[in-house]
Amino acid sequence: LQPAEVCRPDHDKLAVFQIAYPFYWHALHQVNDCYDRPDEIPLEGACNYLKSLLTNCLANAAALEFSIFKTGYETGLGALLRKATNPEDNKTLYRSFIKEIYTTRWDSFFSEYAVLTRQLCEVTQNWVASMCLFMERYRADLPVLEQLFSNGKPLGNITKISFGLSDRHNGGKTTAILTFASGGKLVYKPKPLDTERVLEAIVDWVNLEKELIGLKIVPVLDKGNYGWQQFIENKGCRTENEVRQFYVRAGYLMAIVYVMEGYDFHYENLIADGAFPYLIDTETIFNPYKE
């Protein structure tokens, strides 16, 4: 199947999205040109992310226009006759509203909401650009990824990919998690990972102290403007001793962050893998605002 065929929108679940469907369809056709093979990467996660972006843009305008449409539809003698002969619920009314948008109000709707139209175009083009750039980077880096994260063994086809897992960076790019047929997982980050390398150097220095129980860092491949990380599974401790070790190591990390004057290290930026805590987003490990 072609990507556009794989990602048909579910109109019942994303009613507002129907208005933006032409933008979505155009984006899929553009991304389709970036793929050498239709099965190279599953697009479902990326498509769902685009749907949510377009829906969020449209939500307020669509709600307002539907409210106006519904008010006009439910008032007057014609409305009384329709209710008596063919009562309609909100779902049916909304379908009538969408039909009116496509048949008689397409141009006027997007002319009236010119800023919204521009936002939809920007979201669409940013998504296309970020997806094509992701594919270009993935293809170029795959041999190194397999060497670094899979001991030189093939990772296999990507079986699942989830986008939209972070704030959007530099033209709408976001963090993604890739799951491979081999069972491995990698994290793609479209931003510099130089602070991860700084933390790695600090942890290596701390681990030189033999009396400490030692820390681990998330393996990374820093490519300058972007990078890749090993995915860390969230696992609980198996013994009471592991619990103690976890909190001792958490104290080490807290001390490092304190000394580096870092901030924004809350629970979403910490992964617990048994007795080892990992900081997974270190872009704020330096505080440039403190005098």
C-alpha atoms as a PDB file:
ATOM      1  CA  LEU A   1       0.000   0.000   0.000  1.00  0.00           C
ATOM      2  CA  GLN A   2       1.074   3.553  -0.636  1.00  0.00           C
ATOM      3  CA  PRO A   3       1.402   5.821   2.410  1.00  0.00           C
ATOM      4  CA  ALA A   4      -1.676   7.803   1.348  1.00  0.00           C
ATOM      5  CA  GLU A   5      -3.696   4.578   1.289  1.00  0.00           C
ATOM      6  CA  VAL A   6      -2.419   3.431   4.655  1.00  0.00           C
ATOM      7  CA  CYS A   7      -3.440   6.651   6.403  1.00  0.00           C
ATOM      8  CA  ARG A   8      -7.066   7.202   5.461  1.00  0.00           C
ATOM      9  CA  PRO A   9      -8.576   9.544   8.093  1.00  0.00           C
ATOM     10  CA  ASP A  10     -11.182   8.320  10.530  1.00  0.00           C
ATOM     11  CA  HIS A  11     -13.924  10.915  10.009  1.00  0.00           C
ATOM     12  CA  ASP A  12     -16.023   9.808  12.983  1.00  0.00           C
ATOM     13  CA  LYS A  13     -13.201  10.260  15.501  1.00  0.00           C
ATOM     14  CA  LEU A  14     -11.757  13.487  14.065  1.00  0.00           C
ATOM     15  CA  ALA A  15     -14.773  15.388  12.831  1.00  0.00           C
ATOM     16  CA  VAL A  16     -13.056  18.777  12.794  1.00  0.00           C
ATOM     17  CA  PHE A  17     -10.204  17.279  10.799  1.00  0.00           C
ATOM     18  CA  GLN A  18     -12.468  16.791   7.765  1.00  0.00           C
ATOM     19  CA  ILE A  19     -12.195  20.474   6.888  1.00  0.00           C
ATOM     20  CA  ALA A  20      -8.403  20.156   6.643  1.00  0.00           C
ATOM     21  CA  TYR A  21      -8.435  16.869   4.777  1.00  0.00           C
ATOM     22  CA  PRO A  22      -7.178  18.396   1.457  1.00  0.00           C
ATOM     23  CA  PHE A  23      -4.104  19.736   3.294  1.00  0.00           C
ATOM     24  CA  TYR A  24      -3.515  16.277   4.746  1.00  0.00           C
ATOM     25  CA  TRP A  25      -3.929  14.528   1.391  1.00  0.00           C
ATOM     26  CA  HIS A  26      -1.516  16.961  -0.269  1.00  0.00           C
ATOM     27  CA  ALA A  27       1.063  16.330   2.492  1.00  0.00           C
ATOM     28  CA  LEU A  28       0.862  12.557   2.073  1.00  0.00           C
ATOM     29  CA  HIS A  29       1.415  12.786  -1.668  1.00  0.00           C
ATOM     30  CA  GLN A  30       4.481  14.963  -1.111  1.00  0.00           C
ATOM     31  CA  VAL A  31       5.943  12.629   1.523  1.00  0.00           C
ATOM     32  CA  ASN A  32       5.239   9.675  -0.757  1.00  0.00           C
ATOM     33  CA  ASP A  33       7.939  11.019  -3.092  1.00  0.00           C
ATOM     34  CA  CYS A  34      10.538  10.656  -0.302  1.00  0.00           C
ATOM     35  CA  TYR A  35      10.076   6.893  -0.048  1.00  0.00           C
ATOM     36  CA  ASP A  36      12.005   4.367  -2.087  1.00  0.00           C
ATOM     37  CA  ARG A  37       9.723   1.537  -0.924  1.00  0.00           C
ATOM     38  CA  PRO A  38       6.130   1.786   0.289  1.00  0.00           C
ATOM     39  CA  ASP A  39       6.958  -0.483   3.251  1.00  0.00           C
ATOM     40  CA  GLU A  40      10.137   1.376   4.231  1.00  0.00           C
ATOM     41  CA  ILE A  41       8.536   2.913   7.296  1.00  0.00           C
ATOM     42  CA  PRO A  42       5.015   2.682   8.795  1.00  0.00           C
ATOM     43  CA  LEU A  43       3.381   6.067   8.490  1.00  0.00           C
ATOM     44  CA  GLU A  44       0.473   5.592  10.860  1.00  0.00           C
ATOM     45  CA  GLY A  45       2.103   7.370  13.800  1.00  0.00           C
ATOM     46  CA  ALA A  46       3.299  10.272  11.651  1.00  0.00           C
ATOM     47  CA  CYS A  47      -0.133  10.575  10.032  1.00  0.00           C
ATOM     48  CA  ASN A  48      -1.885  10.661  13.387  1.00  0.00           C
ATOM     49  CA  TYR A  49       0.487  13.376  14.504  1.00  0.00           C
ATOM     50  CA  LEU A  50      -0.311  15.492  11.425  1.00  0.00           C
ATOM     51  CA  LYS A  51      -4.035  14.959  11.990  1.00  0.00           C
ATOM     52  CA  SER A  52      -3.728  16.226  15.560  1.00  0.00           C
ATOM     53  CA  LEU A  53      -1.767  19.304  14.439  1.00  0.00           C
ATOM     54  CA  LEU A  54      -4.327  20.223  11.784  1.00  0.00           C
ATOM     55  CA  THR A  55      -7.227  19.515  14.132  1.00  0.00           C
ATOM     56  CA  ASN A  56      -5.748  21.725  16.851  1.00  0.00           C
ATOM     57  CA  CYS A  57      -5.390  24.574  14.366  1.00  0.00           C
ATOM     58  CA  LEU A  58      -8.992  24.238  13.192  1.00  0.00           C
ATOM     59  CA  ALA A  59     -10.735  23.577  16.496  1.00  0.00           C
ATOM     60  CA  ASN A  60     -11.826  27.085  17.496  1.00  0.00           C
ATOM     61  CA  ALA A  61     -12.854  28.281  14.037  1.00  0.00           C
ATOM     62  CA  ALA A  62     -14.757  25.063  13.298  1.00  0.00           C
ATOM     63  CA  ALA A  63     -16.573  25.197  16.638  1.00  0.00           C
ATOM     64  CA  LEU A  64     -17.645  28.790  16.010  1.00  0.00           C
ATOM     65  CA  GLU A  65     -18.795  28.149  12.443  1.00  0.00           C
ATOM     66  CA  PHE A  66     -20.698  25.010  13.453  1.00  0.00           C
ATOM     67  CA  SER A  67     -22.432  26.910  16.247  1.00  0.00           C
ATOM     68  CA  ILE A  68     -23.553  29.565  13.739  1.00  0.00           C
ATOM     69  CA  PHE A  69     -24.639  26.889  11.256  1.00  0.00           C
ATOM     70  CA  LYS A  70     -26.575  24.999  13.913  1.00  0.00           C
ATOM     71  CA  THR A  71     -28.351  28.131  15.130  1.00  0.00           C
ATOM     72  CA  GLY A  72     -29.484  28.990  11.606  1.00  0.00           C
ATOM     73  CA  TYR A  73     -30.516  25.427  10.919  1.00  0.00           C
ATOM     74  CA  GLU A  74     -32.624  25.126  14.069  1.00  0.00           C
ATOM     75  CA  THR A  75     -34.558  28.411  13.828  1.00  0.00           C
ATOM     76  CA  GLY A  76     -37.482  29.459  11.666  1.00  0.00           C
ATOM     77  CA  LEU A  77     -40.449  27.630  10.159  1.00  0.00           C
ATOM     78  CA  GLY A  78     -38.216  25.435   7.961  1.00  0.00           C
ATOM     79  CA  ALA A  79     -36.470  24.152  11.065  1.00  0.00           C
ATOM     80  CA  LEU A  80     -39.768  23.219  12.705  1.00  0.00           C
ATOM     81  CA  LEU A  81     -40.822  21.254   9.644  1.00  0.00           C
ATOM     82  CA  ARG A  82     -37.464  19.448   9.477  1.00  0.00           C
ATOM     83  CA  LYS A  83     -37.639  18.494  13.149  1.00  0.00           C
ATOM     84  CA  ALA A  84     -41.139  17.154  12.741  1.00  0.00           C
ATOM     85  CA  THR A  85     -40.384  15.071   9.660  1.00  0.00           C
ATOM     86  CA  ASN A  86     -36.695  14.223  10.020  1.00  0.00           C
ATOM     87  CA  PRO A  87     -35.165  14.964  13.424  1.00  0.00           C
ATOM     88  CA  GLU A  88     -31.360  15.200  13.331  1.00  0.00           C
ATOM     89  CA  ASP A  89     -28.760  14.782  16.040  1.00  0.00           C
ATOM     90  CA  ASN A  90     -25.550  16.793  16.326  1.00  0.00           C
ATOM     91  CA  LYS A  91     -23.562  14.203  14.377  1.00  0.00           C
ATOM     92  CA  THR A  92     -25.892  14.404  11.385  1.00  0.00           C
ATOM     93  CA  LEU A  93     -25.969  18.188  11.614  1.00  0.00           C
ATOM     94  CA  TYR A  94     -22.184  18.282  11.614  1.00  0.00           C
ATOM     95  CA  ARG A  95     -22.060  16.170   8.474  1.00  0.00           C
ATOM     96  CA  SER A  96     -24.442  18.652   6.840  1.00  0.00           C
ATOM     97  CA  PHE A  97     -22.152  21.453   7.980  1.00  0.00           C
ATOM     98  CA  ILE A  98     -19.091  19.755   6.460  1.00  0.00           C
ATOM     99  CA  LYS A  99     -20.972  19.156   3.226  1.00  0.00           C
ATOM    100  CA  GLU A 100     -21.864  22.842   3.055  1.00  0.00           C
ATOM    101  CA  ILE A 101     -18.216  23.821   3.623  1.00  0.00           C
ATOM    102  CA  TYR A 102     -17.048  21.661   0.721  1.00  0.00           C
ATOM    103  CA  THR A 103     -19.870  22.447  -1.713  1.00  0.00           C
ATOM    104  CA  THR A 104     -20.556  26.164  -1.243  1.00  0.00           C
ATOM    105  CA  ARG A 105     -18.214  27.754   1.336  1.00  0.00           C
ATOM    106  CA  TRP A 106     -14.722  26.390   0.740  1.00  0.00           C
ATOM    107  CA  ASP A 107     -13.269  29.598  -0.745  1.00  0.00           C
ATOM    108  CA  SER A 108     -15.140  31.965   1.566  1.00  0.00           C
ATOM    109  CA  PHE A 109     -14.258  29.960   4.700  1.00  0.00           C
ATOM    110  CA  PHE A 110     -10.515  30.027   4.091  1.00  0.00           C
ATOM    111  CA  SER A 111     -10.623  33.623   2.840  1.00  0.00           C
ATOM    112  CA  GLU A 112     -12.384  34.722   6.023  1.00  0.00           C
ATOM    113  CA  TYR A 113      -9.911  32.802   8.195  1.00  0.00           C
ATOM    114  CA  ALA A 114      -6.800  33.858   6.298  1.00  0.00           C
ATOM    115  CA  VAL A 115      -4.459  33.508   9.284  1.00  0.00           C
ATOM    116  CA  LEU A 116      -5.799  30.022   9.943  1.00  0.00           C
ATOM    117  CA  THR A 117      -5.218  29.134   6.294  1.00  0.00           C
ATOM    118  CA  ARG A 118      -1.617  30.276   6.571  1.00  0.00           C
ATOM    119  CA  GLN A 119      -1.165  28.231   9.756  1.00  0.00           C
ATOM    120  CA  LEU A 120      -2.545  25.110   8.083  1.00  0.00           C
ATOM    121  CA  CYS A 121      -0.169  25.610   5.147  1.00  0.00           C
ATOM    122  CA  GLU A 122       2.805  26.103   7.472  1.00  0.00           C
ATOM    123  CA  VAL A 123       1.936  23.057   9.596  1.00  0.00           C
ATOM    124  CA  THR A 124       1.529  20.936   6.465  1.00  0.00           C
ATOM    125  CA  GLN A 125       4.762  22.033   4.820  1.00  0.00           C
ATOM    126  CA  ASN A 126       6.733  21.767   8.075  1.00  0.00           C
ATOM    127  CA  TRP A 127       5.471  18.217   8.529  1.00  0.00           C
ATOM    128  CA  VAL A 128       6.443  17.280   4.974  1.00  0.00           C
ATOM    129  CA  ALA A 129       9.889  18.830   5.338  1.00  0.00           C
ATOM    130  CA  SER A 130      10.551  17.212   8.721  1.00  0.00           C
ATOM    131  CA  MET A 131       9.402  13.779   7.519  1.00  0.00           C
ATOM    132  CA  CYS A 132      11.563  13.890   4.388  1.00  0.00           C
ATOM    133  CA  LEU A 133      14.548  15.140   6.410  1.00  0.00           C
ATOM    134  CA  PHE A 134      14.019  12.370   8.940  1.00  0.00           C
ATOM    135  CA  MET A 135      14.052   9.750   6.176  1.00  0.00           C
ATOM    136  CA  GLU A 136      17.199  11.236   4.669  1.00  0.00           C
ATOM    137  CA  ARG A 137      18.986  11.178   8.027  1.00  0.00           C
ATOM    138  CA  TYR A 138      17.784   7.687   8.900  1.00  0.00           C
ATOM    139  CA  ARG A 139      19.027   6.197   5.637  1.00  0.00           C
ATOM    140  CA  ALA A 140      22.403   7.910   5.944  1.00  0.00           C
ATOM    141  CA  ASP A 141      22.923   6.920   9.595  1.00  0.00           C
ATOM    142  CA  LEU A 142      21.554   3.373   9.557  1.00  0.00           C
ATOM    143  CA  PRO A 143      24.959   1.597   9.262  1.00  0.00           C
ATOM    144  CA  VAL A 144      26.327   3.597  12.212  1.00  0.00           C
ATOM    145  CA  LEU A 145      23.132   3.063  14.210  1.00  0.00           C
ATOM    146  CA  GLU A 146      23.411  -0.686  13.778  1.00  0.00           C
ATOM    147  CA  GLN A 147      27.081  -0.631  14.744  1.00  0.00           C
ATOM    148  CA  LEU A 148      26.570   1.524  17.826  1.00  0.00           C
ATOM    149  CA  PHE A 149      23.203   0.368  19.146  1.00  0.00           C
ATOM    150  CA  SER A 150      22.865  -3.197  17.798  1.00  0.00           C
ATOM    151  CA  ASN A 151      26.423  -4.584  18.029  1.00  0.00           C
ATOM    152  CA  GLY A 152      26.709  -4.513  14.246  1.00  0.00           C
ATOM    153  CA  LYS A 153      23.609  -6.645  13.743  1.00  0.00           C
ATOM    154  CA  PRO A 154      20.713  -5.530  11.501  1.00  0.00           C
ATOM    155  CA  LEU A 155      18.025  -3.600  13.308  1.00  0.00           C
ATOM    156  CA  GLY A 156      15.440  -4.827  10.819  1.00  0.00           C
ATOM    157  CA  ASN A 157      12.522  -2.914   9.384  1.00  0.00           C
ATOM    158  CA  ILE A 158      10.871  -0.194  11.413  1.00  0.00           C
ATOM    159  CA  THR A 159       7.625  -1.665  12.733  1.00  0.00           C
ATOM    160  CA  LYS A 160       6.370   1.415  14.553  1.00  0.00           C
ATOM    161  CA  ILE A 161       7.267   5.062  14.816  1.00  0.00           C
ATOM    162  CA  SER A 162       5.760   7.663  17.132  1.00  0.00           C
ATOM    163  CA  PHE A 163       6.170  11.382  16.441  1.00  0.00           C
ATOM    164  CA  GLY A 164       5.143  14.416  18.457  1.00  0.00           C
ATOM    165  CA  LEU A 165       6.805  13.282  21.703  1.00  0.00           C
ATOM    166  CA  SER A 166       8.394  16.642  22.524  1.00  0.00           C
ATOM    167  CA  ASP A 167       8.088  20.340  21.915  1.00  0.00           C
ATOM    168  CA  ARG A 168       8.454  21.274  18.266  1.00  0.00           C
ATOM    169  CA  HIS A 169      11.920  22.487  17.286  1.00  0.00           C
ATOM    170  CA  ASN A 170      13.127  24.482  14.289  1.00  0.00           C
ATOM    171  CA  GLY A 171      10.232  24.299  11.863  1.00  0.00           C
ATOM    172  CA  GLY A 172       8.009  21.794  13.634  1.00  0.00           C
ATOM    173  CA  LYS A 173      10.503  18.943  14.102  1.00  0.00           C
ATOM    174  CA  THR A 174       9.836  16.691  17.098  1.00  0.00           C
ATOM    175  CA  THR A 175      11.323  13.758  18.947  1.00  0.00           C
ATOM    176  CA  ALA A 176      10.322  10.316  17.660  1.00  0.00           C
ATOM    177  CA  ILE A 177      10.622   6.756  18.996  1.00  0.00           C
ATOM    178  CA  LEU A 178      11.424   4.017  16.471  1.00  0.00           C
ATOM    179  CA  THR A 179      10.641   0.351  17.117  1.00  0.00           C
ATOM    180  CA  PHE A 180      12.434  -2.219  14.949  1.00  0.00           C
ATOM    181  CA  ALA A 181      11.630  -5.774  13.914  1.00  0.00           C
ATOM    182  CA  SER A 182      14.650  -6.939  15.946  1.00  0.00           C
ATOM    183  CA  GLY A 183      12.963  -5.628  19.093  1.00  0.00           C
ATOM    184  CA  GLY A 184      15.325  -2.682  19.471  1.00  0.00           C
ATOM    185  CA  LYS A 185      14.168   0.883  20.016  1.00  0.00           C
ATOM    186  CA  LEU A 186      15.865   4.189  19.256  1.00  0.00           C
ATOM    187  CA  VAL A 187      14.994   7.802  19.958  1.00  0.00           C
ATOM    188  CA  TYR A 188      15.433  10.389  17.200  1.00  0.00           C
ATOM    189  CA  LYS A 189      16.015  13.935  18.440  1.00  0.00           C
ATOM    190  CA  PRO A 190      16.043  16.776  15.872  1.00  0.00           C
ATOM    191  CA  LYS A 191      18.242  19.032  17.973  1.00  0.00           C
ATOM    192  CA  PRO A 192      21.908  19.129  19.058  1.00  0.00           C
ATOM    193  CA  LEU A 193      22.922  16.573  21.689  1.00  0.00           C
ATOM    194  CA  ASP A 194      26.135  18.253  22.801  1.00  0.00           C
ATOM    195  CA  THR A 195      24.860  18.588  26.380  1.00  0.00           C
ATOM    196  CA  GLU A 196      24.388  14.807  26.451  1.00  0.00           C
ATOM    197  CA  ARG A 197      28.082  14.448  25.644  1.00  0.00           C
ATOM    198  CA  VAL A 198      28.947  16.917  28.411  1.00  0.00           C
ATOM    199  CA  LEU A 199      26.936  14.834  30.883  1.00  0.00           C
ATOM    200  CA  GLU A 200      28.682  11.710  29.613  1.00  0.00           C
ATOM    201  CA  ALA A 201      32.085  13.269  30.340  1.00  0.00           C
ATOM    202  CA  ILE A 202      30.967  14.312  33.825  1.00  0.00           C
ATOM    203  CA  VAL A 203      29.605  10.842  34.605  1.00  0.00           C
ATOM    204  CA  ASP A 204      32.832   9.229  33.378  1.00  0.00           C
ATOM    205  CA  TRP A 205      34.762  11.531  35.732  1.00  0.00           C
ATOM    206  CA  VAL A 206      32.446  10.717  38.678  1.00  0.00           C
ATOM    207  CA  ASN A 207      32.803   6.992  37.985  1.00  0.00           C
ATOM    208  CA  LEU A 208      36.570   7.280  38.460  1.00  0.00           C
ATOM    209  CA  GLU A 209      35.875   7.510  42.182  1.00  0.00           C
ATOM    210  CA  LYS A 210      36.048   3.862  43.247  1.00  0.00           C
ATOM    211  CA  GLU A 211      34.082   4.374  46.460  1.00  0.00           C
ATOM    212  CA  LEU A 212      30.958   5.351  44.511  1.00  0.00           C
ATOM    213  CA  ILE A 213      28.616   2.720  43.099  1.00  0.00           C
ATOM    214  CA  GLY A 214      28.701   4.228  39.612  1.00  0.00           C
ATOM    215  CA  LEU A 215      26.293   5.858  37.184  1.00  0.00           C
ATOM    216  CA  LYS A 216      25.227   5.075  33.637  1.00  0.00           C
ATOM    217  CA  ILE A 217      24.352   7.455  30.822  1.00  0.00           C
ATOM    218  CA  VAL A 218      22.102   7.003  27.815  1.00  0.00           C
ATOM    219  CA  PRO A 219      24.216   6.025  24.770  1.00  0.00           C
ATOM    220  CA  VAL A 220      23.941   8.712  22.085  1.00  0.00           C
ATOM    221  CA  LEU A 221      25.039   9.395  18.525  1.00  0.00           C
ATOM    222  CA  ASP A 222      25.527  13.153  18.192  1.00  0.00           C
ATOM    223  CA  LYS A 223      25.279  14.311  14.564  1.00  0.00           C
ATOM    224  CA  GLY A 224      25.532  18.031  15.199  1.00  0.00           C
ATOM    225  CA  ASN A 225      22.074  19.428  14.443  1.00  0.00           C
ATOM    226  CA  TYR A 226      20.361  16.214  15.487  1.00  0.00           C
ATOM    227  CA  GLY A 227      21.126  12.863  17.053  1.00  0.00           C
ATOM    228  CA  TRP A 228      20.000   9.420  18.172  1.00  0.00           C
ATOM    229  CA  GLN A 229      19.653   7.893  21.636  1.00  0.00           C
ATOM    230  CA  GLN A 230      19.212   4.414  22.977  1.00  0.00           C
ATOM    231  CA  PHE A 231      15.647   3.953  24.216  1.00  0.00           C
ATOM    232  CA  ILE A 232      15.557   3.256  27.952  1.00  0.00           C
ATOM    233  CA  GLU A 233      12.744   1.036  29.181  1.00  0.00           C
ATOM    234  CA  ASN A 234      11.040   2.094  32.395  1.00  0.00           C
ATOM    235  CA  LYS A 235      11.588  -0.807  34.816  1.00  0.00           C
ATOM    236  CA  GLY A 236      11.075  -1.191  38.537  1.00  0.00           C
ATOM    237  CA  CYS A 237      13.586  -2.399  41.092  1.00  0.00           C
ATOM    238  CA  ARG A 238      13.611  -6.110  41.912  1.00  0.00           C
ATOM    239  CA  THR A 239      15.156  -5.997  45.390  1.00  0.00           C
ATOM    240  CA  GLU A 240      15.349  -3.679  48.367  1.00  0.00           C
ATOM    241  CA  ASN A 241      19.054  -3.217  47.690  1.00  0.00           C
ATOM    242  CA  GLU A 242      18.321  -1.988  44.165  1.00  0.00           C
ATOM    243  CA  VAL A 243      15.905   0.563  45.606  1.00  0.00           C
ATOM    244  CA  ARG A 244      18.658   1.879  47.886  1.00  0.00           C
ATOM    245  CA  GLN A 245      21.102   2.016  44.978  1.00  0.00           C
ATOM    246  CA  PHE A 246      18.567   3.857  42.840  1.00  0.00           C
ATOM    247  CA  TYR A 247      18.186   6.658  45.381  1.00  0.00           C
ATOM    248  CA  VAL A 248      21.934   6.902  45.958  1.00  0.00           C
ATOM    249  CA  ARG A 249      22.474   7.309  42.215  1.00  0.00           C
ATOM    250  CA  ALA A 250      19.585   9.784  42.030  1.00  0.00           C
ATOM    251  CA  GLY A 251      21.468  11.781  44.660  1.00  0.00           C
ATOM    252  CA  TYR A 252      24.598  11.723  42.488  1.00  0.00           C
ATOM    253  CA  LEU A 253      22.600  13.082  39.536  1.00  0.00           C
ATOM    254  CA  MET A 254      21.001  15.725  41.732  1.00  0.00           C
ATOM    255  CA  ALA A 255      24.448  16.847  42.860  1.00  0.00           C
ATOM    256  CA  ILE A 256      25.657  17.061  39.244  1.00  0.00           C
ATOM    257  CA  VAL A 257      22.652  19.141  38.213  1.00  0.00           C
ATOM    258  CA  TYR A 258      23.132  21.398  41.256  1.00  0.00           C
ATOM    259  CA  VAL A 259      26.820  21.976  40.549  1.00  0.00           C
ATOM    260  CA  MET A 260      26.095  22.659  36.851  1.00  0.00           C
ATOM    261  CA  GLU A 261      23.261  25.032  37.891  1.00  0.00           C
ATOM    262  CA  GLY A 262      20.803  23.076  35.762  1.00  0.00           C
ATOM    263  CA  TYR A 263      17.028  23.362  35.928  1.00  0.00           C
ATOM    264  CA  ASP A 264      13.820  21.812  34.518  1.00  0.00           C
ATOM    265  CA  PHE A 265      14.795  18.285  35.568  1.00  0.00           C
ATOM    266  CA  HIS A 266      11.359  17.044  36.576  1.00  0.00           C
ATOM    267  CA  TYR A 267       9.841  13.547  36.475  1.00  0.00           C
ATOM    268  CA  GLU A 268       9.282  13.655  32.694  1.00  0.00           C
ATOM    269  CA  ASN A 269      13.037  13.996  32.138  1.00  0.00           C
ATOM    270  CA  LEU A 270      13.990  11.071  34.374  1.00  0.00           C
ATOM    271  CA  ILE A 271      13.682   7.394  33.464  1.00  0.00           C
ATOM    272  CA  ALA A 272      14.058   4.676  36.100  1.00  0.00           C
ATOM    273  CA  ASP A 273      15.592   1.451  34.784  1.00  0.00           C
ATOM    274  CA  GLY A 274      15.852  -0.732  37.852  1.00  0.00           C
ATOM    275  CA  ALA A 275      18.634   0.550  40.092  1.00  0.00           C
ATOM    276  CA  PHE A 276      19.734   3.136  37.507  1.00  0.00           C
ATOM    277  CA  PRO A 277      18.142   6.578  37.012  1.00  0.00           C
ATOM    278  CA  TYR A 278      18.763   8.245  33.633  1.00  0.00           C
ATOM    279  CA  LEU A 279      18.423  11.896  32.694  1.00  0.00           C
ATOM    280  CA  ILE A 280      16.957  11.816  29.180  1.00  0.00           C
ATOM    281  CA  ASP A 281      16.826  15.494  28.241  1.00  0.00           C
ATOM    282  CA  THR A 282      19.817  17.558  29.327  1.00  0.00           C
ATOM    283  CA  GLU A 283      19.423  20.709  27.224  1.00  0.00           C
ATOM    284  CA  THR A 284      18.949  22.772  30.411  1.00  0.00           C
ATOM    285  CA  ILE A 285      21.841  21.316  32.394  1.00  0.00           C
ATOM    286  CA  PHE A 286      23.552  24.725  32.134  1.00  0.00           C
ATOM    287  CA  ASN A 287      21.712  27.777  33.469  1.00  0.00           C
ATOM    288  CA  PRO A 288      22.549  30.812  31.305  1.00  0.00           C
ATOM    289  CA  TYR A 289      20.269  33.115  33.344  1.00  0.00           C
ATOM    290  CA  LYS A 290      21.937  32.820  36.721  1.00  0.00           C
ATOM    291  CA  GLU A 291      24.476  35.539  37.502  1.00  0.00           C
END
